[in-house]
Structures are given as C-alpha cells and as structure tokens.
Protein backbone atom coordinates (compact mmCIF):
# COMPACT_ATOMS: atom_id res chain seq x y z
CA UNK A 1 183.23 82.49 71.84
CA UNK A 2 184.70 85.96 71.54
CA UNK A 3 182.67 89.09 71.11
CA UNK A 4 182.53 90.34 67.54
CA UNK A 5 182.44 93.97 66.55
CA UNK A 6 180.40 94.11 63.38
CA UNK A 7 178.80 97.30 62.12
CA UNK A 8 175.46 96.68 60.41
CA UNK A 9 175.44 96.42 56.63
CA UNK A 10 179.21 96.20 56.35
CA UNK A 11 179.51 94.07 53.24
CA UNK A 12 183.30 93.96 53.52
CA UNK A 13 183.12 92.11 56.85
CA UNK A 14 180.91 89.35 55.50
CA UNK A 15 178.35 90.12 58.21
CA UNK A 16 174.71 90.41 57.20
CA UNK A 17 172.51 93.16 58.51
CA UNK A 18 170.36 92.28 61.49
CA UNK A 19 166.93 91.43 60.03
CA UNK A 20 167.77 93.09 56.72
CA UNK A 21 168.83 96.63 55.98
CA UNK A 22 168.65 99.73 58.09
CA UNK A 23 165.50 101.80 57.53
CA UNK A 24 165.49 103.61 54.18
CA UNK A 25 164.89 106.98 55.78
CA UNK A 26 165.29 108.49 59.20
CA UNK A 27 161.62 109.49 59.21
CA UNK A 28 160.44 105.86 59.36
CA UNK A 29 163.21 104.59 61.64
CA UNK A 30 161.88 102.04 64.12
CA UNK A 31 163.23 99.38 66.44
CA UNK A 32 164.06 96.19 64.54
CA UNK A 33 164.01 92.76 66.20
CA UNK A 34 167.26 90.88 66.63
CA UNK A 35 167.46 87.30 65.31
CA UNK A 36 165.74 84.54 67.31
CA UNK A 37 167.79 83.61 70.41
CA UNK A 38 169.47 87.04 70.41
CA UNK A 39 168.74 90.08 72.54
CA UNK A 40 168.96 93.72 71.55
CA UNK A 41 170.53 96.35 73.75
CA UNK A 42 169.75 99.93 72.78
CA UNK A 43 171.87 102.57 74.51
CA UNK A 44 172.11 106.33 74.50
CA UNK A 45 174.13 108.97 76.30
CA UNK A 46 173.59 112.69 76.36
CA UNK A 47 175.23 115.74 77.89
CA UNK A 48 173.86 119.12 78.95
CA UNK A 49 175.86 121.69 76.99
CA UNK A 50 175.50 124.37 79.68
CA UNK A 51 176.61 122.38 82.72
CA UNK A 52 178.61 119.50 81.21
CA UNK A 53 176.62 116.97 83.27
CA UNK A 54 175.80 113.77 81.41
CA UNK A 55 173.29 110.93 81.64
CA UNK A 56 172.96 107.60 79.88
CA UNK A 57 170.34 104.93 79.54
CA UNK A 58 169.66 101.62 77.93
CA UNK A 59 167.13 98.93 77.32
CA UNK A 60 167.40 95.20 76.68
CA UNK A 61 164.61 93.47 74.71
CA UNK A 62 164.26 89.94 73.39
CA UNK A 63 163.62 89.00 69.75
CA UNK A 64 159.88 89.49 70.27
CA UNK A 65 160.41 93.02 71.58
CA UNK A 66 159.60 92.07 75.18
CA UNK A 67 161.19 94.17 77.91
CA UNK A 68 164.05 92.44 79.73
CA UNK A 69 165.71 95.29 81.63
CA UNK A 70 166.29 99.01 81.42
CA UNK A 71 168.68 101.34 83.18
CA UNK A 72 169.47 105.01 83.59
CA UNK A 73 172.50 106.67 85.14
CA UNK A 74 173.64 110.20 85.86
CA UNK A 75 177.41 110.31 85.53
CA UNK A 76 178.62 113.75 86.48
CA UNK A 77 180.63 115.91 84.10
CA UNK A 78 182.02 114.29 80.95
CA UNK A 79 182.17 114.72 77.19
CA UNK A 80 179.33 113.67 74.85
CA UNK A 81 181.38 110.74 73.53
CA UNK A 82 182.17 109.59 77.08
CA UNK A 83 178.43 109.68 77.88
CA UNK A 84 177.75 107.39 74.90
CA UNK A 85 180.62 105.09 75.91
CA UNK A 86 179.32 104.87 79.49
CA UNK A 87 175.94 103.87 78.06
CA UNK A 88 177.59 101.05 76.07
CA UNK A 89 179.60 99.95 79.10
CA UNK A 90 176.69 99.90 81.53
CA UNK A 91 174.46 98.19 78.97
CA UNK A 92 177.04 95.45 78.47
CA UNK A 93 177.38 95.04 82.24
CA UNK A 94 173.61 94.64 82.56
CA UNK A 95 173.51 92.11 79.70
CA UNK A 96 176.35 90.13 81.28
CA UNK A 97 174.68 90.13 84.71
CA UNK A 98 171.51 88.81 83.06
CA UNK A 99 173.54 85.95 81.57
CA UNK A 100 172.81 86.88 77.95
CA UNK A 101 175.12 85.19 75.45
CA UNK A 102 174.08 86.81 72.15
CA UNK A 103 173.52 90.55 72.11
CA UNK A 104 173.09 93.09 69.34
CA UNK A 105 174.13 96.51 70.68
CA UNK A 106 172.45 99.38 68.88
CA UNK A 107 173.97 102.86 69.17
CA UNK A 108 173.04 106.08 67.42
CA UNK A 109 176.60 107.40 67.27
CA UNK A 110 178.71 106.47 64.27
CA UNK A 111 181.72 107.87 66.19
CA UNK A 112 181.22 105.21 68.87
CA UNK A 113 180.97 102.47 66.25
CA UNK A 114 184.24 103.63 64.66
CA UNK A 115 185.98 103.90 68.03
CA UNK A 116 184.89 100.43 69.16
CA UNK A 117 185.75 98.80 65.85
CA UNK A 118 189.44 99.67 66.24
CA UNK A 119 191.44 96.48 66.14
CA UNK A 120 193.86 97.26 68.96
CA UNK A 121 193.01 98.17 72.52
CA UNK A 122 196.12 100.31 72.54
CA UNK A 123 194.59 102.65 69.95
CA UNK A 124 192.46 104.31 72.62
CA UNK A 125 193.79 105.92 75.74
CA UNK A 126 190.29 106.35 77.21
CA UNK A 127 189.85 104.16 80.28
CA UNK A 128 186.15 103.56 79.54
CA UNK A 129 187.08 102.11 76.14
CA UNK A 130 189.53 99.76 77.85
CA UNK A 131 186.73 98.61 80.18
CA UNK A 132 184.42 98.01 77.21
CA UNK A 133 187.11 95.95 75.45
CA UNK A 134 187.50 93.88 78.62
CA UNK A 135 183.77 93.13 78.58
CA UNK A 136 183.93 92.24 74.89
CA UNK A 137 186.62 89.65 75.60
CA UNK A 138 184.17 87.64 77.75
CA UNK A 139 182.54 84.43 76.53
CA UNK A 140 179.63 85.82 74.47
CA UNK A 141 178.73 87.15 71.04
CA UNK A 142 178.27 90.89 70.64
CA UNK A 143 177.40 92.71 67.41
CA UNK A 144 177.35 96.49 67.18
CA UNK A 145 174.94 98.15 64.77
CA UNK A 146 173.96 101.72 64.03
CA UNK A 147 170.52 103.07 64.88
CA UNK A 148 169.05 106.34 63.74
CA UNK A 149 168.51 108.73 66.62
CA UNK A 150 164.79 108.72 65.79
CA UNK A 151 164.56 105.00 66.58
CA UNK A 152 166.34 105.46 69.92
CA UNK A 153 163.72 107.68 71.61
CA UNK A 154 162.97 105.10 74.33
CA UNK A 155 166.57 104.97 75.58
CA UNK A 156 166.87 108.74 75.32
CA UNK A 157 163.81 109.05 77.54
CA UNK A 158 165.20 106.52 80.04
CA UNK A 159 168.50 108.42 80.20
CA UNK A 160 166.73 111.70 80.86
CA UNK A 161 164.71 110.15 83.71
CA UNK A 162 167.61 110.63 86.14
CA UNK A 163 168.62 113.98 87.58
CA UNK A 164 171.66 115.61 86.01
CA UNK A 165 174.56 115.80 88.42
CA UNK A 166 172.94 113.49 90.97
CA UNK A 167 175.05 110.35 90.35
CA UNK A 168 171.72 108.49 90.43
CA UNK A 169 171.52 104.95 89.02
CA UNK A 170 168.22 103.24 88.26
CA UNK A 171 167.36 99.73 87.12
CA UNK A 172 163.98 99.18 85.46
CA UNK A 173 162.84 95.58 85.82
CA UNK A 174 159.53 96.59 84.22
CA UNK A 175 158.92 99.41 81.75
CA UNK A 176 158.31 102.69 83.59
CA UNK A 177 154.98 104.38 82.85
CA UNK A 178 156.60 107.40 81.18
CA UNK A 179 157.77 105.36 78.18
CA UNK A 180 154.68 103.21 77.47
CA UNK A 181 153.63 105.34 74.50
CA UNK A 182 157.17 105.49 73.11
CA UNK A 183 157.50 101.69 73.33
CA UNK A 184 154.29 101.26 71.36
CA UNK A 185 155.28 103.76 68.66
CA UNK A 186 158.84 102.39 68.51
CA UNK A 187 157.69 98.86 67.64
CA UNK A 188 154.77 99.59 65.27
CA UNK A 189 156.82 99.19 62.10
CA UNK A 190 158.53 96.04 63.36
CA UNK A 191 155.44 93.85 63.43
C-alpha cells in the first residue's frame, strides 16, 4: 500500500476528515484521536530568529491518546520551513522504526501541507523533501492533516526541550515530566 497525501477536509479528494471536522475555532483547538487501528504523529519545527538555529519535535499516540514515542532534535542553522520538514521526516522515521502501518501526520504549517501534496518529486529541489517522498513510498498508509498551532503545544514543548545549536537528539519512550500538564489539557476536549 502506498502512502497517501490527503489534507484534512479536502472534499475534492474524496477523503473524509479524521474523526470529523477540524475544530471550529482556534481557541478550542485540541488533539483529536485518529481512527481505530491508526496512530497520530504530531510534529513541529521552530527556528530562533536571532541565531537561525532550529529545533524540531514530535509525538506518536495511538487512537486512545496513549503515548507511543516522542522525539526532539536540534538541527543547527536552517530556515523555518526546513525545521518543519525535518520534524516531518524524523517523525516518519520514528513511525517506520516502530513498525506502524497507518499514520495520520498532523502539522501546523499549511505551507508544509501544500509542499508535500505536490504530485511530482521533481517539483521540489529541497533534499529533505526528497527524503520525505522516499519514506512515503514505503509500504504504509500516511495521511497529512492540518492542526492549529494551539493544539500542537505538546510537540512545541518537546522541540524546545533540546538546546539550540547543540545537534542534540532525544527519544522519549515515556512522556517527560515537563509536558504532563500539556498532555492533560491537550486531550480534555477529545474525550
């Protein structure tokens, strides 16, 4: 099975939204469960405007919202869009290593969704995009959806847990203590 790029709520693609529509407003944006037997990968990348150093992070949860794996990486100097793309790439690598076959990837950048929904690999000269397309050609199902930034606070916090410019990489087998409260708040509206 090939990976499918399907933005959420795209009625022209014939794809339904994951568990219904996106939140009505950004103020009440919360994490939404993926369908049963699917996993959700939330990713985020950010860049310090003063130094140019970037970090990214991500989190995989099952359909019940249970923690599967998190990660954080400091990447050196890059653009904001490259930071987001590195988050997608590393998240997909982690999902693949875990042996997951159905993954909803939630990103808070509409630019990333547009870039990854291009039909031809040749349309992007960015090497990281080429690596992402290679991962998408593996034997699994991937759906990309948009998340409001407000619902991505957990991954933002994970990303910012590594030191800028350090080239540090962290795997979180269990949720780190500094995001316990965010995890609780993030899932309240999902129950």
